[in-house]
Amino acid sequence: MTTLEKIGIQGVRSYCDERTETLEFYSPVTIIYGKNGSGKSTIIECLKVSCIGEFPTNAEKGKSFIHDPLVSNKMNVKGKIDLIKIWLLKLKVIKNKSKLKKNKYN
């Protein structure tokens, strides 16, 4: 059995590309709640990308998954998802599945 400890999200959809936002998971359950557009679904989608490497169906193979450079008025935006898992043997594994980059003119 694998337990998720925390996830760090940077530069994905509504998450800022300047700093990593970290969410810790608690046992036995973590509740994710918030207003519309606050990033709840993005957290779930980041977990999916980190665990099985599959982007959301509407993400155009990851292109629309990264924070839009036009919104932040930058030439390039980098996205990153860090997922820390604890395996049954209590071995910590840091899985940096996604380092993504989007150019302003893509």
C-alpha atoms as a PDB file:
ATOM      1  CA  MET A   1       0.000   0.000   0.000  1.00  0.00           C
ATOM      2  CA  THR A   2       1.186   3.503  -0.797  1.00  0.00           C
ATOM      3  CA  THR A   3       0.374   6.612   1.210  1.00  0.00           C
ATOM      4  CA  LEU A   4       0.652  10.102  -0.223  1.00  0.00           C
ATOM      5  CA  GLU A   5       2.465  12.534   2.058  1.00  0.00           C
ATOM      6  CA  LYS A   6       2.361  15.770   0.084  1.00  0.00           C
ATOM      7  CA  ILE A   7       2.195  17.291  -3.377  1.00  0.00           C
ATOM      8  CA  GLY A   8       3.862  20.455  -4.647  1.00  0.00           C
ATOM      9  CA  ILE A   9       2.349  22.275  -7.627  1.00  0.00           C
ATOM     10  CA  GLN A  10       3.958  25.124  -9.547  1.00  0.00           C
ATOM     11  CA  GLY A  11       2.922  26.735 -12.841  1.00  0.00           C
ATOM     12  CA  VAL A  12      -0.030  24.444 -13.523  1.00  0.00           C
ATOM     13  CA  ARG A  13      -3.322  26.063 -14.552  1.00  0.00           C
ATOM     14  CA  SER A  14      -4.215  28.661 -11.895  1.00  0.00           C
ATOM     15  CA  TYR A  15      -1.148  27.903  -9.743  1.00  0.00           C
ATOM     16  CA  CYS A  16       1.580  30.563  -9.878  1.00  0.00           C
ATOM     17  CA  ASP A  17       4.811  29.729 -11.704  1.00  0.00           C
ATOM     18  CA  GLU A  18       6.930  31.775  -9.270  1.00  0.00           C
ATOM     19  CA  ARG A  19       6.589  29.496  -6.226  1.00  0.00           C
ATOM     20  CA  THR A  20       5.506  25.978  -5.326  1.00  0.00           C
ATOM     21  CA  GLU A  21       2.222  25.524  -3.473  1.00  0.00           C
ATOM     22  CA  THR A  22       2.350  22.506  -1.157  1.00  0.00           C
ATOM     23  CA  LEU A  23      -0.586  20.420   0.033  1.00  0.00           C
ATOM     24  CA  GLU A  24      -0.106  17.833   2.793  1.00  0.00           C
ATOM     25  CA  PHE A  25      -2.281  14.734   2.960  1.00  0.00           C
ATOM     26  CA  TYR A  26      -3.515  13.431   6.301  1.00  0.00           C
ATOM     27  CA  SER A  27      -4.552   9.964   7.422  1.00  0.00           C
ATOM     28  CA  PRO A  28      -7.088   8.480   7.054  1.00  0.00           C
ATOM     29  CA  VAL A  29      -8.604  11.083   4.717  1.00  0.00           C
ATOM     30  CA  THR A  30      -7.909  14.532   3.283  1.00  0.00           C
ATOM     31  CA  ILE A  31     -10.779  16.766   2.200  1.00  0.00           C
ATOM     32  CA  ILE A  32     -10.120  19.209  -0.629  1.00  0.00           C
ATOM     33  CA  TYR A  33     -12.629  22.051  -0.692  1.00  0.00           C
ATOM     34  CA  GLY A  34     -12.792  25.636  -1.909  1.00  0.00           C
ATOM     35  CA  LYS A  35     -14.549  28.110  -4.159  1.00  0.00           C
ATOM     36  CA  ASN A  36     -15.072  27.589  -7.878  1.00  0.00           C
ATOM     37  CA  GLY A  37     -11.846  28.137  -9.797  1.00  0.00           C
ATOM     38  CA  SER A  38      -9.630  27.786  -6.715  1.00  0.00           C
ATOM     39  CA  GLY A  39      -7.716  24.748  -8.045  1.00  0.00           C
ATOM     40  CA  LYS A  40      -9.413  21.714  -6.469  1.00  0.00           C
ATOM     41  CA  SER A  41      -9.695  19.798  -9.747  1.00  0.00           C
ATOM     42  CA  THR A  42      -6.145  20.807 -10.658  1.00  0.00           C
ATOM     43  CA  ILE A  43      -4.887  19.036  -7.521  1.00  0.00           C
ATOM     44  CA  ILE A  44      -6.659  15.828  -8.562  1.00  0.00           C
ATOM     45  CA  GLU A  45      -5.373  16.154 -12.137  1.00  0.00           C
ATOM     46  CA  CYS A  46      -1.807  16.712 -10.871  1.00  0.00           C
ATOM     47  CA  LEU A  47      -2.102  13.527  -8.822  1.00  0.00           C
ATOM     48  CA  LYS A  48      -3.199  11.698 -11.970  1.00  0.00           C
ATOM     49  CA  VAL A  49      -0.283  13.078 -14.010  1.00  0.00           C
ATOM     50  CA  SER A  50       2.207  12.175 -11.252  1.00  0.00           C
ATOM     51  CA  CYS A  51       0.872   8.686 -10.589  1.00  0.00           C
ATOM     52  CA  ILE A  52       0.020   7.379 -14.055  1.00  0.00           C
ATOM     53  CA  GLY A  53       1.460   9.994 -16.428  1.00  0.00           C
ATOM     54  CA  GLU A  54      -1.852  10.793 -18.068  1.00  0.00           C
ATOM     55  CA  PHE A  55      -2.983  14.367 -18.741  1.00  0.00           C
ATOM     56  CA  PRO A  56      -6.646  15.404 -18.482  1.00  0.00           C
ATOM     57  CA  THR A  57      -8.635  14.775 -21.660  1.00  0.00           C
ATOM     58  CA  ASN A  58      -9.039  18.482 -22.430  1.00  0.00           C
ATOM     59  CA  ALA A  59      -5.374  19.377 -21.824  1.00  0.00           C
ATOM     60  CA  GLU A  60      -4.120  18.953 -25.422  1.00  0.00           C
ATOM     61  CA  LYS A  61      -1.309  16.565 -24.322  1.00  0.00           C
ATOM     62  CA  GLY A  62      -0.298  18.959 -21.539  1.00  0.00           C
ATOM     63  CA  LYS A  63      -0.207  22.200 -23.537  1.00  0.00           C
ATOM     64  CA  SER A  64      -3.245  23.741 -21.838  1.00  0.00           C
ATOM     65  CA  PHE A  65      -2.332  22.174 -18.490  1.00  0.00           C
ATOM     66  CA  ILE A  66       0.521  24.624 -17.904  1.00  0.00           C
ATOM     67  CA  HIS A  67      -0.136  28.167 -16.654  1.00  0.00           C
ATOM     68  CA  ASP A  68      -0.742  30.424 -19.683  1.00  0.00           C
ATOM     69  CA  PRO A  69       2.244  32.749 -20.364  1.00  0.00           C
ATOM     70  CA  LEU A  70      -0.092  35.362 -21.844  1.00  0.00           C
ATOM     71  CA  VAL A  71      -1.825  35.723 -18.474  1.00  0.00           C
ATOM     72  CA  SER A  72       1.447  36.363 -16.634  1.00  0.00           C
ATOM     73  CA  ASN A  73       2.894  38.425 -19.513  1.00  0.00           C
ATOM     74  CA  LYS A  74       6.036  36.277 -19.761  1.00  0.00           C
ATOM     75  CA  MET A  75       7.868  34.619 -22.629  1.00  0.00           C
ATOM     76  CA  ASN A  76       8.143  31.228 -20.883  1.00  0.00           C
ATOM     77  CA  VAL A  77       6.359  29.530 -18.024  1.00  0.00           C
ATOM     78  CA  LYS A  78       7.645  26.424 -16.252  1.00  0.00           C
ATOM     79  CA  GLY A  79       5.411  23.949 -14.498  1.00  0.00           C
ATOM     80  CA  LYS A  80       6.373  21.353 -11.924  1.00  0.00           C
ATOM     81  CA  ILE A  81       4.598  18.674  -9.923  1.00  0.00           C
ATOM     82  CA  ASP A  82       6.379  17.011  -6.986  1.00  0.00           C
ATOM     83  CA  LEU A  83       4.675  14.090  -5.271  1.00  0.00           C
ATOM     84  CA  ILE A  84       6.050  12.489  -2.118  1.00  0.00           C
ATOM     85  CA  LYS A  85       4.867   8.953  -1.406  1.00  0.00           C
ATOM     86  CA  ILE A  86       5.472   6.657   1.538  1.00  0.00           C
ATOM     87  CA  TRP A  87       5.521   2.967   0.686  1.00  0.00           C
ATOM     88  CA  LEU A  88       4.411   0.233   3.049  1.00  0.00           C
ATOM     89  CA  LEU A  89       8.029  -0.320   4.070  1.00  0.00           C
ATOM     90  CA  LYS A  90       8.189   3.342   5.175  1.00  0.00           C
ATOM     91  CA  LEU A  91      10.593   4.194   2.391  1.00  0.00           C
ATOM     92  CA  LYS A  92      10.105   7.767   1.197  1.00  0.00           C
ATOM     93  CA  VAL A  93      10.072   8.292  -2.540  1.00  0.00           C
ATOM     94  CA  ILE A  94      10.092  11.729  -4.109  1.00  0.00           C
ATOM     95  CA  LYS A  95       8.566  11.472  -7.536  1.00  0.00           C
ATOM     96  CA  ASN A  96       9.152  14.502  -9.713  1.00  0.00           C
ATOM     97  CA  LYS A  97       7.055  13.280 -12.616  1.00  0.00           C
ATOM     98  CA  SER A  98       6.436  16.465 -14.501  1.00  0.00           C
ATOM     99  CA  LYS A  99       8.715  19.294 -15.454  1.00  0.00           C
ATOM    100  CA  LEU A 100       6.797  21.145 -18.086  1.00  0.00           C
ATOM    101  CA  LYS A 101       7.511  24.250 -20.131  1.00  0.00           C
ATOM    102  CA  LYS A 102       5.247  26.377 -22.285  1.00  0.00           C
ATOM    103  CA  ASN A 103       6.357  29.151 -24.614  1.00  0.00           C
ATOM    104  CA  LYS A 104       4.298  32.253 -25.275  1.00  0.00           C
ATOM    105  CA  TYR A 105       4.030  31.405 -28.972  1.00  0.00           C
ATOM    106  CA  ASN A 106       3.075  27.682 -28.707  1.00  0.00           C
END
